[in-house]
Amino acid sequence: MDLTDVWFAAIAVLWMGYFILEGFDFGVGALLPVLASGDTERRVMINTIGPVWDGNEVWLITVGAAMFAAFPEWYATLFSGFYLPMLVILLTLIVRGVAFEYRAKRDSVRWRQGWDRCLIAGSIVPAVLWGVAFGNIVRGVELDTRHEYVGSFWDLLNPYALLGGLTTLALFVTHGAIFLALKTEGEIRVRAGALALKAGVVAGALVAGFLVWSQFHGGSAVSIALGVVAVV
């Protein structure tokens, strides 16, 4: 194993850390209109991730820095070719962060509801777009001889990548429901536990479909074995 392999493995670990830890943040935000029956329950749900959401986003900064340091050409191609979806992700993450901080700044139902909508959108949109980006990376995108992306934004919204987006959203929702079931009590915990079981089935089916489709893009016996483990 040379230094390139070490860096690639380190970056993979950083991405996994980000998706696992930020994933339940996205899931909790996406579940606000589903599990909370009033402002008090929405506040309880937000409080479960209030102390950790900003720390979890540090993983994204770290993985971006690692990619820039170890594979600058990969970093440049990815962030220029996926410029528009990355910009949308960045903007929604900013709006989401502002929603956390500003929601309680005014004692107004309308004010809090507006920031809740920002928080919901800021959780669902990145959850989907990260999956779309990951799907395109696995599938492959068109590059010229200078390793610059030559496709369009609409080329990124292919069926395989969209399936990837739905898969990550379902995984994050499942993760968020499990996290809420662990961190809350009473009715929210009961509803979160019940939803986690249903969302888990959907997530498992989507993961299985995504992995089966991925096999047709160059799978192997090892990837099949890892796919079965991942679904289980």
C-alpha atoms as a PDB file:
ATOM      1  CA  MET A   1       0.000   0.000   0.000  1.00  0.00           C
ATOM      2  CA  ASP A   2       1.452   3.340  -1.037  1.00  0.00           C
ATOM      3  CA  LEU A   3       0.708   6.838   0.232  1.00  0.00           C
ATOM      4  CA  THR A   4      -2.049   7.357  -2.358  1.00  0.00           C
ATOM      5  CA  ASP A   5      -3.975   4.370  -0.984  1.00  0.00           C
ATOM      6  CA  VAL A   6      -3.559   5.646   2.577  1.00  0.00           C
ATOM      7  CA  TRP A   7      -4.973   9.060   1.655  1.00  0.00           C
ATOM      8  CA  PHE A   8      -7.850   7.504  -0.284  1.00  0.00           C
ATOM      9  CA  ALA A   9      -8.751   5.292   2.691  1.00  0.00           C
ATOM     10  CA  ALA A  10      -8.524   8.269   5.066  1.00  0.00           C
ATOM     11  CA  ILE A  11     -10.826  10.335   2.854  1.00  0.00           C
ATOM     12  CA  ALA A  12     -13.297   7.435   2.655  1.00  0.00           C
ATOM     13  CA  VAL A  13     -13.337   7.234   6.477  1.00  0.00           C
ATOM     14  CA  LEU A  14     -13.924  11.003   6.710  1.00  0.00           C
ATOM     15  CA  TRP A  15     -16.843  10.823   4.271  1.00  0.00           C
ATOM     16  CA  MET A  16     -18.343   7.922   6.224  1.00  0.00           C
ATOM     17  CA  GLY A  17     -17.950   9.851   9.459  1.00  0.00           C
ATOM     18  CA  TYR A  18     -19.685  12.846   7.937  1.00  0.00           C
ATOM     19  CA  PHE A  19     -22.597  10.868   6.503  1.00  0.00           C
ATOM     20  CA  ILE A  20     -23.110   8.883   9.715  1.00  0.00           C
ATOM     21  CA  LEU A  21     -22.968  11.833  12.099  1.00  0.00           C
ATOM     22  CA  GLU A  22     -24.520  14.522   9.912  1.00  0.00           C
ATOM     23  CA  GLY A  23     -26.918  11.915   8.574  1.00  0.00           C
ATOM     24  CA  PHE A  24     -28.974  11.715  11.766  1.00  0.00           C
ATOM     25  CA  ASP A  25     -28.959  15.552  11.875  1.00  0.00           C
ATOM     26  CA  PHE A  26     -30.525  15.620   8.421  1.00  0.00           C
ATOM     27  CA  GLY A  27     -32.946  12.875   9.438  1.00  0.00           C
ATOM     28  CA  VAL A  28     -34.162  14.727  12.529  1.00  0.00           C
ATOM     29  CA  GLY A  29     -34.662  17.912  10.513  1.00  0.00           C
ATOM     30  CA  ALA A  30     -36.544  16.076   7.783  1.00  0.00           C
ATOM     31  CA  LEU A  31     -38.824  14.456  10.365  1.00  0.00           C
ATOM     32  CA  LEU A  32     -39.922  17.698  12.026  1.00  0.00           C
ATOM     33  CA  PRO A  33     -43.245  17.859  10.108  1.00  0.00           C
ATOM     34  CA  VAL A  34     -43.795  14.109  10.519  1.00  0.00           C
ATOM     35  CA  LEU A  35     -43.169  13.383  14.198  1.00  0.00           C
ATOM     36  CA  ALA A  36     -43.818  16.701  15.945  1.00  0.00           C
ATOM     37  CA  SER A  37     -47.426  17.613  16.697  1.00  0.00           C
ATOM     38  CA  GLY A  38     -46.742  21.092  18.019  1.00  0.00           C
ATOM     39  CA  ASP A  39     -44.114  23.711  18.744  1.00  0.00           C
ATOM     40  CA  THR A  40     -43.057  22.073  22.011  1.00  0.00           C
ATOM     41  CA  GLU A  41     -42.333  18.753  20.332  1.00  0.00           C
ATOM     42  CA  ARG A  42     -40.498  20.485  17.487  1.00  0.00           C
ATOM     43  CA  ARG A  43     -38.350  22.221  20.095  1.00  0.00           C
ATOM     44  CA  VAL A  44     -37.656  18.879  21.784  1.00  0.00           C
ATOM     45  CA  MET A  45     -36.588  17.337  18.469  1.00  0.00           C
ATOM     46  CA  ILE A  46     -34.331  20.269  17.609  1.00  0.00           C
ATOM     47  CA  ASN A  47     -32.784  20.153  21.079  1.00  0.00           C
ATOM     48  CA  THR A  48     -31.618  16.575  20.488  1.00  0.00           C
ATOM     49  CA  ILE A  49     -29.240  17.741  17.750  1.00  0.00           C
ATOM     50  CA  GLY A  50     -28.699  21.303  18.981  1.00  0.00           C
ATOM     51  CA  PRO A  51     -25.405  20.526  20.793  1.00  0.00           C
ATOM     52  CA  VAL A  52     -23.879  18.444  17.979  1.00  0.00           C
ATOM     53  CA  TRP A  53     -25.036  19.602  14.538  1.00  0.00           C
ATOM     54  CA  ASP A  54     -22.316  22.229  14.061  1.00  0.00           C
ATOM     55  CA  GLY A  55     -19.595  19.880  15.279  1.00  0.00           C
ATOM     56  CA  ASN A  56     -20.762  17.191  12.882  1.00  0.00           C
ATOM     57  CA  GLU A  57     -20.348  19.578   9.950  1.00  0.00           C
ATOM     58  CA  VAL A  58     -16.637  19.884  10.750  1.00  0.00           C
ATOM     59  CA  TRP A  59     -16.241  16.460   9.139  1.00  0.00           C
ATOM     60  CA  LEU A  60     -17.236  18.016   5.807  1.00  0.00           C
ATOM     61  CA  ILE A  61     -14.623  20.753   6.161  1.00  0.00           C
ATOM     62  CA  THR A  62     -11.986  18.182   7.055  1.00  0.00           C
ATOM     63  CA  VAL A  63     -12.767  15.886   4.135  1.00  0.00           C
ATOM     64  CA  GLY A  64     -12.730  18.850   1.724  1.00  0.00           C
ATOM     65  CA  ALA A  65      -9.318  19.907   3.015  1.00  0.00           C
ATOM     66  CA  ALA A  66      -8.017  16.335   2.764  1.00  0.00           C
ATOM     67  CA  MET A  67      -9.195  16.013  -0.833  1.00  0.00           C
ATOM     68  CA  PHE A  68      -7.614  19.339  -1.732  1.00  0.00           C
ATOM     69  CA  ALA A  69      -4.318  18.362  -0.103  1.00  0.00           C
ATOM     70  CA  ALA A  70      -4.031  14.804  -1.401  1.00  0.00           C
ATOM     71  CA  PHE A  71      -5.892  14.850  -4.736  1.00  0.00           C
ATOM     72  CA  PRO A  72      -6.128  18.467  -5.965  1.00  0.00           C
ATOM     73  CA  GLU A  73      -7.111  17.434  -9.499  1.00  0.00           C
ATOM     74  CA  TRP A  74      -9.941  15.249  -8.190  1.00  0.00           C
ATOM     75  CA  TYR A  75     -11.027  18.080  -5.914  1.00  0.00           C
ATOM     76  CA  ALA A  76     -10.955  20.610  -8.771  1.00  0.00           C
ATOM     77  CA  THR A  77     -12.896  18.359 -11.151  1.00  0.00           C
ATOM     78  CA  LEU A  78     -15.503  17.458  -8.547  1.00  0.00           C
ATOM     79  CA  PHE A  79     -16.178  20.949  -7.246  1.00  0.00           C
ATOM     80  CA  SER A  80     -16.157  22.582 -10.679  1.00  0.00           C
ATOM     81  CA  GLY A  81     -18.161  19.892 -12.486  1.00  0.00           C
ATOM     82  CA  PHE A  82     -20.687  19.663  -9.657  1.00  0.00           C
ATOM     83  CA  TYR A  83     -20.610  23.407  -9.047  1.00  0.00           C
ATOM     84  CA  LEU A  84     -24.362  24.045  -9.104  1.00  0.00           C
ATOM     85  CA  PRO A  85     -25.447  21.152  -6.844  1.00  0.00           C
ATOM     86  CA  MET A  86     -22.554  21.894  -4.486  1.00  0.00           C
ATOM     87  CA  LEU A  87     -23.622  25.542  -4.368  1.00  0.00           C
ATOM     88  CA  VAL A  88     -27.199  24.512  -3.566  1.00  0.00           C
ATOM     89  CA  ILE A  89     -25.918  22.215  -0.802  1.00  0.00           C
ATOM     90  CA  LEU A  90     -23.785  25.016   0.627  1.00  0.00           C
ATOM     91  CA  LEU A  91     -26.638  27.520   0.583  1.00  0.00           C
ATOM     92  CA  THR A  92     -29.073  25.099   2.218  1.00  0.00           C
ATOM     93  CA  LEU A  93     -26.513  24.250   4.911  1.00  0.00           C
ATOM     94  CA  ILE A  94     -26.084  27.959   5.607  1.00  0.00           C
ATOM     95  CA  VAL A  95     -29.847  28.507   5.827  1.00  0.00           C
ATOM     96  CA  ARG A  96     -30.118  25.460   8.061  1.00  0.00           C
ATOM     97  CA  GLY A  97     -27.437  26.752  10.412  1.00  0.00           C
ATOM     98  CA  VAL A  98     -29.094  30.166  10.600  1.00  0.00           C
ATOM     99  CA  ALA A  99     -32.428  28.464  11.372  1.00  0.00           C
ATOM    100  CA  PHE A 100     -30.912  26.718  14.382  1.00  0.00           C
ATOM    101  CA  GLU A 101     -29.606  29.994  15.768  1.00  0.00           C
ATOM    102  CA  TYR A 102     -32.480  32.340  14.920  1.00  0.00           C
ATOM    103  CA  ARG A 103     -35.529  30.173  15.583  1.00  0.00           C
ATOM    104  CA  ALA A 104     -35.754  31.187  19.244  1.00  0.00           C
ATOM    105  CA  LYS A 105     -34.793  34.832  18.782  1.00  0.00           C
ATOM    106  CA  ARG A 106     -38.407  36.038  18.658  1.00  0.00           C
ATOM    107  CA  ASP A 107     -41.495  34.909  20.525  1.00  0.00           C
ATOM    108  CA  SER A 108     -43.671  34.546  17.446  1.00  0.00           C
ATOM    109  CA  VAL A 109     -45.376  31.439  16.105  1.00  0.00           C
ATOM    110  CA  ARG A 110     -45.076  32.664  12.518  1.00  0.00           C
ATOM    111  CA  TRP A 111     -41.380  33.434  13.045  1.00  0.00           C
ATOM    112  CA  ARG A 112     -40.643  29.958  14.381  1.00  0.00           C
ATOM    113  CA  GLN A 113     -42.692  28.252  11.673  1.00  0.00           C
ATOM    114  CA  GLY A 114     -40.741  30.102   8.984  1.00  0.00           C
ATOM    115  CA  TRP A 115     -37.402  28.976  10.396  1.00  0.00           C
ATOM    116  CA  ASP A 116     -38.762  25.453  10.830  1.00  0.00           C
ATOM    117  CA  ARG A 117     -39.475  25.345   7.100  1.00  0.00           C
ATOM    118  CA  CYS A 118     -35.919  26.506   6.442  1.00  0.00           C
ATOM    119  CA  LEU A 119     -34.630  23.779   8.740  1.00  0.00           C
ATOM    120  CA  ILE A 120     -36.706  21.119   6.999  1.00  0.00           C
ATOM    121  CA  ALA A 121     -35.603  22.219   3.515  1.00  0.00           C
ATOM    122  CA  GLY A 122     -32.020  22.571   4.724  1.00  0.00           C
ATOM    123  CA  SER A 123     -32.118  18.950   5.845  1.00  0.00           C
ATOM    124  CA  ILE A 124     -33.943  17.285   2.951  1.00  0.00           C
ATOM    125  CA  VAL A 125     -32.220  19.030   0.024  1.00  0.00           C
ATOM    126  CA  PRO A 126     -28.613  18.211   1.050  1.00  0.00           C
ATOM    127  CA  ALA A 127     -29.660  14.673   2.004  1.00  0.00           C
ATOM    128  CA  VAL A 128     -30.877  14.107  -1.551  1.00  0.00           C
ATOM    129  CA  LEU A 129     -28.135  16.019  -3.384  1.00  0.00           C
ATOM    130  CA  TRP A 130     -25.317  14.246  -1.545  1.00  0.00           C
ATOM    131  CA  GLY A 131     -26.761  10.971  -2.777  1.00  0.00           C
ATOM    132  CA  VAL A 132     -27.062  12.336  -6.305  1.00  0.00           C
ATOM    133  CA  ALA A 133     -23.424  13.460  -6.219  1.00  0.00           C
ATOM    134  CA  PHE A 134     -22.269  10.117  -4.818  1.00  0.00           C
ATOM    135  CA  GLY A 135     -24.270   8.239  -7.446  1.00  0.00           C
ATOM    136  CA  ASN A 136     -22.635  10.207 -10.234  1.00  0.00           C
ATOM    137  CA  ILE A 137     -19.184   9.551  -8.793  1.00  0.00           C
ATOM    138  CA  VAL A 138     -19.867   5.803  -8.701  1.00  0.00           C
ATOM    139  CA  ARG A 139     -21.441   5.826 -12.165  1.00  0.00           C
ATOM    140  CA  GLY A 140     -18.815   8.092 -13.679  1.00  0.00           C
ATOM    141  CA  VAL A 141     -19.135  11.428 -15.450  1.00  0.00           C
ATOM    142  CA  GLU A 142     -17.881  12.682 -18.809  1.00  0.00           C
ATOM    143  CA  LEU A 143     -14.429  14.294 -18.630  1.00  0.00           C
ATOM    144  CA  ASP A 144     -12.267  15.712 -21.389  1.00  0.00           C
ATOM    145  CA  THR A 145      -8.527  15.190 -21.829  1.00  0.00           C
ATOM    146  CA  ARG A 146      -7.876  17.912 -19.220  1.00  0.00           C
ATOM    147  CA  HIS A 147     -10.049  16.047 -16.709  1.00  0.00           C
ATOM    148  CA  GLU A 148     -12.681  18.759 -16.806  1.00  0.00           C
ATOM    149  CA  TYR A 149     -16.382  17.917 -16.644  1.00  0.00           C
ATOM    150  CA  VAL A 150     -18.048  18.357 -20.039  1.00  0.00           C
ATOM    151  CA  GLY A 151     -21.616  17.443 -19.185  1.00  0.00           C
ATOM    152  CA  SER A 152     -24.444  19.656 -17.994  1.00  0.00           C
ATOM    153  CA  PHE A 153     -26.326  19.959 -14.727  1.00  0.00           C
ATOM    154  CA  TRP A 154     -29.188  17.909 -16.151  1.00  0.00           C
ATOM    155  CA  ASP A 155     -26.808  15.061 -17.003  1.00  0.00           C
ATOM    156  CA  LEU A 156     -26.203  14.714 -13.276  1.00  0.00           C
ATOM    157  CA  LEU A 157     -29.914  14.079 -12.695  1.00  0.00           C
ATOM    158  CA  ASN A 158     -29.868  10.644 -14.309  1.00  0.00           C
ATOM    159  CA  PRO A 159     -32.041   7.812 -12.935  1.00  0.00           C
ATOM    160  CA  TYR A 160     -29.129   6.063 -11.212  1.00  0.00           C
ATOM    161  CA  ALA A 161     -28.041   9.214  -9.389  1.00  0.00           C
ATOM    162  CA  LEU A 162     -31.615  10.080  -8.421  1.00  0.00           C
ATOM    163  CA  LEU A 163     -31.953   6.606  -6.924  1.00  0.00           C
ATOM    164  CA  GLY A 164     -28.805   7.380  -4.969  1.00  0.00           C
ATOM    165  CA  GLY A 165     -30.435  10.563  -3.698  1.00  0.00           C
ATOM    166  CA  LEU A 166     -33.540   8.719  -2.531  1.00  0.00           C
ATOM    167  CA  THR A 167     -31.337   6.086  -0.903  1.00  0.00           C
ATOM    168  CA  THR A 168     -29.350   8.570   1.172  1.00  0.00           C
ATOM    169  CA  LEU A 169     -32.537  10.406   2.152  1.00  0.00           C
ATOM    170  CA  ALA A 170     -34.140   7.156   3.341  1.00  0.00           C
ATOM    171  CA  LEU A 171     -31.007   6.170   5.245  1.00  0.00           C
ATOM    172  CA  PHE A 172     -30.775   9.544   6.960  1.00  0.00           C
ATOM    173  CA  VAL A 173     -34.467   9.511   7.859  1.00  0.00           C
ATOM    174  CA  THR A 174     -34.052   6.052   9.361  1.00  0.00           C
ATOM    175  CA  HIS A 175     -30.962   7.168  11.255  1.00  0.00           C
ATOM    176  CA  GLY A 176     -32.763  10.284  12.495  1.00  0.00           C
ATOM    177  CA  ALA A 177     -35.764   8.281  13.708  1.00  0.00           C
ATOM    178  CA  ILE A 178     -33.506   5.861  15.595  1.00  0.00           C
ATOM    179  CA  PHE A 179     -31.608   8.777  17.140  1.00  0.00           C
ATOM    180  CA  LEU A 180     -34.853  10.404  18.275  1.00  0.00           C
ATOM    181  CA  ALA A 181     -36.052   7.127  19.760  1.00  0.00           C
ATOM    182  CA  LEU A 182     -32.850   7.000  21.805  1.00  0.00           C
ATOM    183  CA  LYS A 183     -32.794  10.658  22.845  1.00  0.00           C
ATOM    184  CA  THR A 184     -36.439  11.429  23.643  1.00  0.00           C
ATOM    185  CA  GLU A 185     -39.209  10.148  25.877  1.00  0.00           C
ATOM    186  CA  GLY A 186     -42.980   9.803  25.711  1.00  0.00           C
ATOM    187  CA  GLU A 187     -45.003  10.107  22.529  1.00  0.00           C
ATOM    188  CA  ILE A 188     -42.118  11.298  20.342  1.00  0.00           C
ATOM    189  CA  ARG A 189     -40.083   8.260  21.282  1.00  0.00           C
ATOM    190  CA  VAL A 190     -42.953   5.898  20.511  1.00  0.00           C
ATOM    191  CA  ARG A 191     -43.658   7.525  17.152  1.00  0.00           C
ATOM    192  CA  ALA A 192     -39.952   7.671  16.274  1.00  0.00           C
ATOM    193  CA  GLY A 193     -39.466   3.984  17.087  1.00  0.00           C
ATOM    194  CA  ALA A 194     -42.427   2.947  14.963  1.00  0.00           C
ATOM    195  CA  LEU A 195     -41.283   5.121  12.070  1.00  0.00           C
ATOM    196  CA  ALA A 196     -37.726   3.811  12.309  1.00  0.00           C
ATOM    197  CA  LEU A 197     -38.935   0.278  11.586  1.00  0.00           C
ATOM    198  CA  LYS A 198     -40.946   1.379   8.537  1.00  0.00           C
ATOM    199  CA  ALA A 199     -38.229   3.713   7.239  1.00  0.00           C
ATOM    200  CA  GLY A 200     -35.641   0.989   7.759  1.00  0.00           C
ATOM    201  CA  VAL A 201     -37.515  -1.367   5.452  1.00  0.00           C
ATOM    202  CA  VAL A 202     -37.747   1.317   2.772  1.00  0.00           C
ATOM    203  CA  ALA A 203     -34.084   2.229   3.198  1.00  0.00           C
ATOM    204  CA  GLY A 204     -33.052  -1.424   2.972  1.00  0.00           C
ATOM    205  CA  ALA A 205     -35.013  -1.884  -0.248  1.00  0.00           C
ATOM    206  CA  LEU A 206     -33.517   1.266  -1.785  1.00  0.00           C
ATOM    207  CA  VAL A 207     -29.996   0.286  -0.739  1.00  0.00           C
ATOM    208  CA  ALA A 208     -30.502  -3.167  -2.238  1.00  0.00           C
ATOM    209  CA  GLY A 209     -31.771  -1.676  -5.496  1.00  0.00           C
ATOM    210  CA  PHE A 210     -28.904   0.815  -5.651  1.00  0.00           C
ATOM    211  CA  LEU A 211     -26.300  -1.878  -5.004  1.00  0.00           C
ATOM    212  CA  VAL A 212     -27.791  -4.276  -7.550  1.00  0.00           C
ATOM    213  CA  TRP A 213     -27.813  -1.522 -10.166  1.00  0.00           C
ATOM    214  CA  SER A 214     -24.220  -0.677  -9.204  1.00  0.00           C
ATOM    215  CA  GLN A 215     -23.150  -4.229 -10.000  1.00  0.00           C
ATOM    216  CA  PHE A 216     -23.958  -3.598 -13.646  1.00  0.00           C
ATOM    217  CA  HIS A 217     -21.434  -0.738 -13.658  1.00  0.00           C
ATOM    218  CA  GLY A 218     -18.506  -3.026 -12.896  1.00  0.00           C
ATOM    219  CA  GLY A 219     -19.249  -5.098  -9.824  1.00  0.00           C
ATOM    220  CA  SER A 220     -17.261  -8.069  -8.576  1.00  0.00           C
ATOM    221  CA  ALA A 221     -17.648 -10.942  -6.146  1.00  0.00           C
ATOM    222  CA  VAL A 222     -16.144  -8.789  -3.383  1.00  0.00           C
ATOM    223  CA  SER A 223     -18.566  -5.933  -4.043  1.00  0.00           C
ATOM    224  CA  ILE A 224     -21.497  -8.371  -4.020  1.00  0.00           C
ATOM    225  CA  ALA A 225     -20.423  -9.709  -0.612  1.00  0.00           C
ATOM    226  CA  LEU A 226     -19.983  -6.193   0.765  1.00  0.00           C
ATOM    227  CA  GLY A 227     -23.365  -5.216  -0.692  1.00  0.00           C
ATOM    228  CA  VAL A 228     -25.125  -8.059   1.088  1.00  0.00           C
ATOM    229  CA  VAL A 229     -23.480  -7.041   4.376  1.00  0.00           C
ATOM    230  CA  ALA A 230     -24.503  -3.417   3.805  1.00  0.00           C
ATOM    231  CA  VAL A 231     -28.160  -4.323   3.201  1.00  0.00           C
ATOM    232  CA  VAL A 232     -28.277  -6.555   6.290  1.00  0.00           C
END
